[in-house]
N, C-alpha and C. Protein backbone atom coordinates (compact mmCIF):
# COMPACT_ATOMS: atom_id res chain seq x y z
N MET A 1 91.91 83.06 123.15
CA MET A 1 91.18 81.80 123.18
C MET A 1 90.13 81.82 122.08
N PRO A 2 90.08 80.75 121.26
CA PRO A 2 89.10 80.70 120.17
C PRO A 2 87.66 80.76 120.69
N ILE A 3 86.80 81.26 119.85
CA ILE A 3 85.39 81.33 120.26
C ILE A 3 84.65 80.10 119.79
N GLU A 4 83.46 79.90 120.34
CA GLU A 4 82.57 78.83 119.92
C GLU A 4 81.33 79.46 119.32
N MET A 5 80.78 78.79 118.32
CA MET A 5 79.56 79.29 117.68
C MET A 5 78.89 78.10 117.02
N ASP A 6 77.56 78.04 117.16
CA ASP A 6 76.86 76.92 116.54
C ASP A 6 76.86 77.09 115.01
N PRO A 7 76.77 75.97 114.29
CA PRO A 7 76.85 76.02 112.84
C PRO A 7 75.81 76.94 112.18
N ALA A 8 74.60 76.98 112.71
CA ALA A 8 73.56 77.82 112.10
C ALA A 8 73.93 79.29 112.18
N ARG A 9 74.45 79.72 113.32
CA ARG A 9 74.88 81.13 113.47
C ARG A 9 76.05 81.44 112.53
N PHE A 10 76.98 80.49 112.41
CA PHE A 10 78.12 80.68 111.51
C PHE A 10 77.62 80.84 110.08
N ASP A 11 76.67 80.01 109.67
CA ASP A 11 76.08 80.12 108.33
C ASP A 11 75.49 81.50 108.10
N GLU A 12 74.87 82.06 109.15
CA GLU A 12 74.31 83.42 109.04
C GLU A 12 75.41 84.44 108.76
N LEU A 13 76.58 84.26 109.36
CA LEU A 13 77.70 85.18 109.11
C LEU A 13 78.15 85.09 107.67
N VAL A 14 78.21 83.87 107.14
CA VAL A 14 78.60 83.69 105.74
C VAL A 14 77.55 84.33 104.82
N ASP A 15 76.27 84.11 105.11
CA ASP A 15 75.20 84.72 104.32
C ASP A 15 75.29 86.24 104.35
N ALA A 16 75.56 86.80 105.52
CA ALA A 16 75.68 88.25 105.64
C ALA A 16 76.86 88.77 104.84
N ALA A 17 77.97 88.03 104.86
CA ALA A 17 79.14 88.44 104.08
C ALA A 17 78.82 88.41 102.57
N LEU A 18 78.09 87.40 102.14
CA LEU A 18 77.69 87.33 100.73
C LEU A 18 76.75 88.48 100.37
N ASP A 19 75.82 88.78 101.29
CA ASP A 19 74.89 89.89 101.06
C ASP A 19 75.60 91.23 100.99
N GLY A 20 76.79 91.31 101.61
CA GLY A 20 77.54 92.55 101.64
C GLY A 20 78.34 92.83 100.37
N ILE A 21 78.40 91.84 99.48
CA ILE A 21 79.10 92.05 98.22
C ILE A 21 78.27 93.01 97.37
N PRO A 22 78.89 94.06 96.84
CA PRO A 22 78.13 95.05 96.05
C PRO A 22 77.36 94.39 94.92
N ASP A 23 76.14 94.88 94.68
CA ASP A 23 75.27 94.31 93.65
C ASP A 23 75.94 94.26 92.29
N GLU A 24 76.77 95.27 91.98
CA GLU A 24 77.42 95.32 90.66
C GLU A 24 78.31 94.10 90.46
N LEU A 25 78.91 93.60 91.54
CA LEU A 25 79.74 92.42 91.45
C LEU A 25 78.93 91.14 91.62
N ALA A 26 78.01 91.16 92.55
CA ALA A 26 77.21 89.96 92.84
C ALA A 26 76.48 89.47 91.59
N THR A 27 76.00 90.39 90.77
CA THR A 27 75.27 89.99 89.57
C THR A 27 76.18 89.33 88.53
N LEU A 28 77.49 89.52 88.67
CA LEU A 28 78.44 88.91 87.74
C LEU A 28 78.89 87.52 88.17
N VAL A 29 78.58 87.15 89.40
CA VAL A 29 78.94 85.82 89.89
C VAL A 29 77.97 84.82 89.28
N ARG A 30 78.52 83.89 88.53
CA ARG A 30 77.69 82.93 87.82
C ARG A 30 78.11 81.50 88.16
N ASN A 31 77.13 80.65 88.38
CA ASN A 31 77.36 79.22 88.53
C ASN A 31 78.37 78.92 89.64
N VAL A 32 78.14 79.53 90.81
CA VAL A 32 79.02 79.34 91.97
C VAL A 32 78.16 78.96 93.17
N VAL A 33 78.60 77.96 93.90
CA VAL A 33 77.94 77.57 95.14
C VAL A 33 78.92 77.81 96.28
N VAL A 34 78.41 78.33 97.39
CA VAL A 34 79.22 78.57 98.59
C VAL A 34 78.84 77.53 99.62
N LEU A 35 79.85 76.81 100.10
CA LEU A 35 79.64 75.73 101.05
C LEU A 35 80.46 75.97 102.31
N VAL A 36 79.86 75.72 103.46
CA VAL A 36 80.58 75.79 104.72
C VAL A 36 80.96 74.37 105.10
N GLU A 37 82.24 74.16 105.33
CA GLU A 37 82.75 72.87 105.79
C GLU A 37 83.40 73.08 107.14
N GLU A 38 83.45 72.05 107.94
CA GLU A 38 84.04 72.16 109.27
C GLU A 38 85.55 72.38 109.20
N GLU A 39 86.24 71.60 108.36
CA GLU A 39 87.70 71.64 108.27
C GLU A 39 88.13 71.56 106.80
N PRO A 40 89.32 72.06 106.51
CA PRO A 40 89.86 71.91 105.14
C PRO A 40 90.07 70.44 104.77
N PRO A 41 90.08 70.13 103.49
CA PRO A 41 90.28 68.75 103.07
C PRO A 41 91.69 68.25 103.39
N GLU A 42 91.81 66.95 103.46
CA GLU A 42 93.11 66.32 103.68
C GLU A 42 94.11 66.83 102.65
N GLY A 43 95.30 67.13 103.10
CA GLY A 43 96.34 67.62 102.20
C GLY A 43 96.43 69.13 102.13
N GLU A 44 95.44 69.81 102.65
CA GLU A 44 95.46 71.29 102.70
C GLU A 44 95.92 71.71 104.10
N PRO A 45 96.45 72.93 104.23
CA PRO A 45 96.87 73.41 105.55
C PRO A 45 95.69 73.42 106.54
N ASP A 46 95.97 73.05 107.79
CA ASP A 46 94.93 73.02 108.82
C ASP A 46 94.33 74.39 109.09
N ASP A 47 95.09 75.46 108.80
CA ASP A 47 94.61 76.81 109.08
C ASP A 47 94.02 77.51 107.86
N LEU A 48 93.73 76.74 106.79
CA LEU A 48 93.13 77.31 105.59
C LEU A 48 91.72 77.80 105.92
N LEU A 49 91.43 79.05 105.59
CA LEU A 49 90.14 79.66 105.93
C LEU A 49 89.10 79.47 104.85
N GLY A 50 89.53 79.45 103.60
CA GLY A 50 88.61 79.32 102.49
C GLY A 50 89.32 78.77 101.27
N LEU A 51 88.54 78.33 100.28
CA LEU A 51 89.13 77.74 99.08
C LEU A 51 88.18 77.95 97.93
N TYR A 52 88.73 78.40 96.79
CA TYR A 52 87.96 78.52 95.56
C TYR A 52 88.32 77.34 94.68
N ASP A 53 87.33 76.59 94.23
CA ASP A 53 87.51 75.43 93.37
C ASP A 53 86.70 75.66 92.12
N GLY A 54 87.37 76.07 91.05
CA GLY A 54 86.66 76.34 89.83
C GLY A 54 87.55 76.96 88.78
N VAL A 55 86.93 77.49 87.76
CA VAL A 55 87.66 78.16 86.67
C VAL A 55 87.27 79.63 86.74
N ALA A 56 88.28 80.47 87.00
CA ALA A 56 88.04 81.91 87.11
C ALA A 56 87.45 82.45 85.81
N LEU A 57 86.64 83.48 85.93
CA LEU A 57 86.02 84.08 84.75
C LEU A 57 87.07 84.51 83.73
N THR A 58 88.23 84.95 84.20
CA THR A 58 89.29 85.41 83.30
C THR A 58 89.96 84.25 82.55
N GLU A 59 89.71 83.03 82.99
CA GLU A 59 90.31 81.85 82.36
C GLU A 59 89.34 81.17 81.39
N ARG A 60 88.11 81.59 81.37
CA ARG A 60 87.11 80.95 80.53
C ARG A 60 87.15 81.55 79.13
N ASP A 61 86.82 80.69 78.17
CA ASP A 61 86.74 81.18 76.79
C ASP A 61 85.38 80.79 76.21
N SER A 62 85.19 81.04 74.94
CA SER A 62 83.89 80.79 74.32
C SER A 62 83.54 79.29 74.30
N MET A 63 84.53 78.43 74.49
CA MET A 63 84.28 77.00 74.50
C MET A 63 83.82 76.51 75.87
N PHE A 64 83.86 77.39 76.85
CA PHE A 64 83.46 77.03 78.21
C PHE A 64 81.95 76.90 78.23
N GLY A 65 81.47 75.69 78.34
CA GLY A 65 80.02 75.45 78.28
C GLY A 65 79.44 75.21 79.65
N ALA A 66 78.36 74.48 79.65
CA ALA A 66 77.68 74.14 80.90
C ALA A 66 78.59 73.23 81.72
N GLN A 67 78.97 73.71 82.83
CA GLN A 67 79.87 72.98 83.73
C GLN A 67 79.20 72.85 85.10
N LEU A 68 79.74 71.96 85.89
CA LEU A 68 79.32 71.92 87.29
C LEU A 68 79.65 73.27 87.89
N PRO A 69 78.94 73.68 88.91
CA PRO A 69 79.24 74.99 89.48
C PRO A 69 80.62 75.05 90.12
N ASP A 70 81.23 76.23 90.04
CA ASP A 70 82.43 76.49 90.83
C ASP A 70 82.00 76.40 92.28
N ARG A 71 82.97 76.11 93.15
CA ARG A 71 82.65 75.98 94.57
C ARG A 71 83.56 76.87 95.38
N ILE A 72 82.97 77.54 96.32
CA ILE A 72 83.72 78.30 97.33
C ILE A 72 83.46 77.60 98.65
N PHE A 73 84.55 77.21 99.29
CA PHE A 73 84.45 76.58 100.61
C PHE A 73 84.91 77.57 101.67
N ILE A 74 84.13 77.66 102.72
CA ILE A 74 84.48 78.46 103.91
C ILE A 74 84.65 77.45 105.04
N PHE A 75 85.80 77.48 105.70
CA PHE A 75 86.12 76.47 106.70
C PHE A 75 85.89 77.01 108.11
N ARG A 76 84.85 76.51 108.72
CA ARG A 76 84.39 76.98 110.02
C ARG A 76 85.43 76.81 111.13
N GLY A 77 86.01 75.63 111.26
CA GLY A 77 86.95 75.34 112.34
C GLY A 77 88.13 76.29 112.39
N PRO A 78 88.86 76.46 111.28
CA PRO A 78 90.00 77.38 111.30
C PRO A 78 89.60 78.83 111.58
N LEU A 79 88.45 79.25 111.10
CA LEU A 79 88.00 80.62 111.37
C LEU A 79 87.67 80.79 112.85
N LEU A 80 87.01 79.82 113.44
CA LEU A 80 86.74 79.90 114.88
C LEU A 80 88.03 79.89 115.69
N ASP A 81 88.99 79.05 115.28
CA ASP A 81 90.27 78.99 115.98
C ASP A 81 91.04 80.29 115.91
N LEU A 82 90.89 81.01 114.81
CA LEU A 82 91.63 82.25 114.58
C LEU A 82 91.10 83.42 115.43
N CYS A 83 89.83 83.41 115.72
CA CYS A 83 89.17 84.58 116.30
C CYS A 83 88.92 84.43 117.80
N GLU A 84 88.94 85.59 118.48
CA GLU A 84 88.69 85.61 119.92
C GLU A 84 87.40 86.31 120.30
N SER A 85 86.69 86.86 119.32
CA SER A 85 85.41 87.51 119.59
C SER A 85 84.51 87.35 118.38
N GLU A 86 83.22 87.52 118.59
CA GLU A 86 82.29 87.43 117.47
C GLU A 86 82.54 88.55 116.48
N GLU A 87 82.88 89.73 116.97
CA GLU A 87 83.17 90.86 116.08
C GLU A 87 84.34 90.54 115.16
N GLU A 88 85.39 89.94 115.74
CA GLU A 88 86.55 89.56 114.94
C GLU A 88 86.17 88.49 113.92
N LEU A 89 85.33 87.54 114.33
CA LEU A 89 84.89 86.47 113.43
C LEU A 89 84.08 87.04 112.27
N VAL A 90 83.18 87.96 112.55
CA VAL A 90 82.38 88.58 111.50
C VAL A 90 83.30 89.18 110.44
N GLU A 91 84.34 89.89 110.87
CA GLU A 91 85.27 90.54 109.95
C GLU A 91 86.08 89.50 109.17
N GLU A 92 86.57 88.46 109.84
CA GLU A 92 87.36 87.43 109.17
C GLU A 92 86.53 86.64 108.17
N VAL A 93 85.28 86.36 108.50
CA VAL A 93 84.38 85.68 107.55
C VAL A 93 84.16 86.56 106.34
N ARG A 94 83.93 87.85 106.56
CA ARG A 94 83.73 88.79 105.45
C ARG A 94 84.95 88.81 104.54
N ILE A 95 86.13 88.93 105.14
CA ILE A 95 87.36 88.98 104.35
C ILE A 95 87.55 87.68 103.57
N THR A 96 87.28 86.55 104.22
CA THR A 96 87.46 85.25 103.56
C THR A 96 86.49 85.08 102.40
N VAL A 97 85.24 85.45 102.59
CA VAL A 97 84.24 85.34 101.52
C VAL A 97 84.64 86.23 100.34
N VAL A 98 84.99 87.48 100.61
CA VAL A 98 85.40 88.39 99.53
C VAL A 98 86.63 87.84 98.82
N HIS A 99 87.59 87.34 99.59
CA HIS A 99 88.82 86.77 99.02
C HIS A 99 88.50 85.65 98.03
N GLU A 100 87.64 84.72 98.44
CA GLU A 100 87.33 83.59 97.57
C GLU A 100 86.49 84.00 96.37
N VAL A 101 85.55 84.91 96.55
CA VAL A 101 84.76 85.42 95.41
C VAL A 101 85.69 86.14 94.43
N ALA A 102 86.68 86.84 94.94
CA ALA A 102 87.64 87.53 94.08
C ALA A 102 88.39 86.55 93.20
N HIS A 103 88.69 85.37 93.72
CA HIS A 103 89.34 84.35 92.89
C HIS A 103 88.46 83.96 91.71
N HIS A 104 87.14 83.96 91.90
CA HIS A 104 86.20 83.68 90.82
C HIS A 104 86.38 84.69 89.68
N PHE A 105 86.77 85.93 90.05
CA PHE A 105 86.98 86.98 89.06
C PHE A 105 88.42 87.00 88.55
N GLY A 106 89.24 86.05 89.00
CA GLY A 106 90.60 85.95 88.50
C GLY A 106 91.61 86.80 89.24
N ILE A 107 91.25 87.32 90.39
CA ILE A 107 92.17 88.14 91.16
C ILE A 107 93.05 87.22 92.00
N ASP A 108 94.37 87.38 91.89
CA ASP A 108 95.27 86.46 92.56
C ASP A 108 95.59 86.91 94.00
N ASP A 109 96.24 86.03 94.74
CA ASP A 109 96.54 86.28 96.16
C ASP A 109 97.39 87.54 96.37
N ASP A 110 98.36 87.79 95.48
CA ASP A 110 99.21 88.98 95.65
C ASP A 110 98.38 90.25 95.57
N ARG A 111 97.49 90.33 94.60
CA ARG A 111 96.65 91.52 94.47
C ARG A 111 95.68 91.64 95.64
N LEU A 112 95.12 90.51 96.09
CA LEU A 112 94.23 90.53 97.25
C LEU A 112 94.97 91.00 98.50
N HIS A 113 96.21 90.60 98.64
CA HIS A 113 97.03 91.07 99.77
C HIS A 113 97.18 92.59 99.70
N ASP A 114 97.48 93.10 98.51
CA ASP A 114 97.61 94.55 98.32
C ASP A 114 96.32 95.29 98.69
N LEU A 115 95.19 94.65 98.45
CA LEU A 115 93.89 95.25 98.72
C LEU A 115 93.42 95.04 100.15
N GLY A 116 94.18 94.25 100.94
CA GLY A 116 93.80 94.00 102.32
C GLY A 116 92.87 92.83 102.52
N TYR A 117 92.80 91.94 101.53
CA TYR A 117 91.91 90.77 101.63
C TYR A 117 92.69 89.46 101.61
N ALA A 118 93.84 89.45 102.25
CA ALA A 118 94.65 88.23 102.27
C ALA A 118 94.62 87.58 103.62
């Protein structure tokens, strides 16, 4: 049975997951905003946990100038539906945050799967 959690507590889990990213990597994340949304956008799978919307660092060149920030979306509803305990939710939020940040670095889904972050 899915768990329930108020939005403020869920935001704390996302913040903790971001804080858990090693400093060596966190300092390389540039011009990215992390947003918590209740559900994935229309046209996306209902069970989508997160989404990276931007240009990966590996895709940028010297012509890449001042742009709107890349966006990482974490979808609260599907994560709550997936988990049966707060401990499980903490781990799934962590994996989802790392997964989406990895896309910022140009790491694809196949490699993330190999690393255990799929």
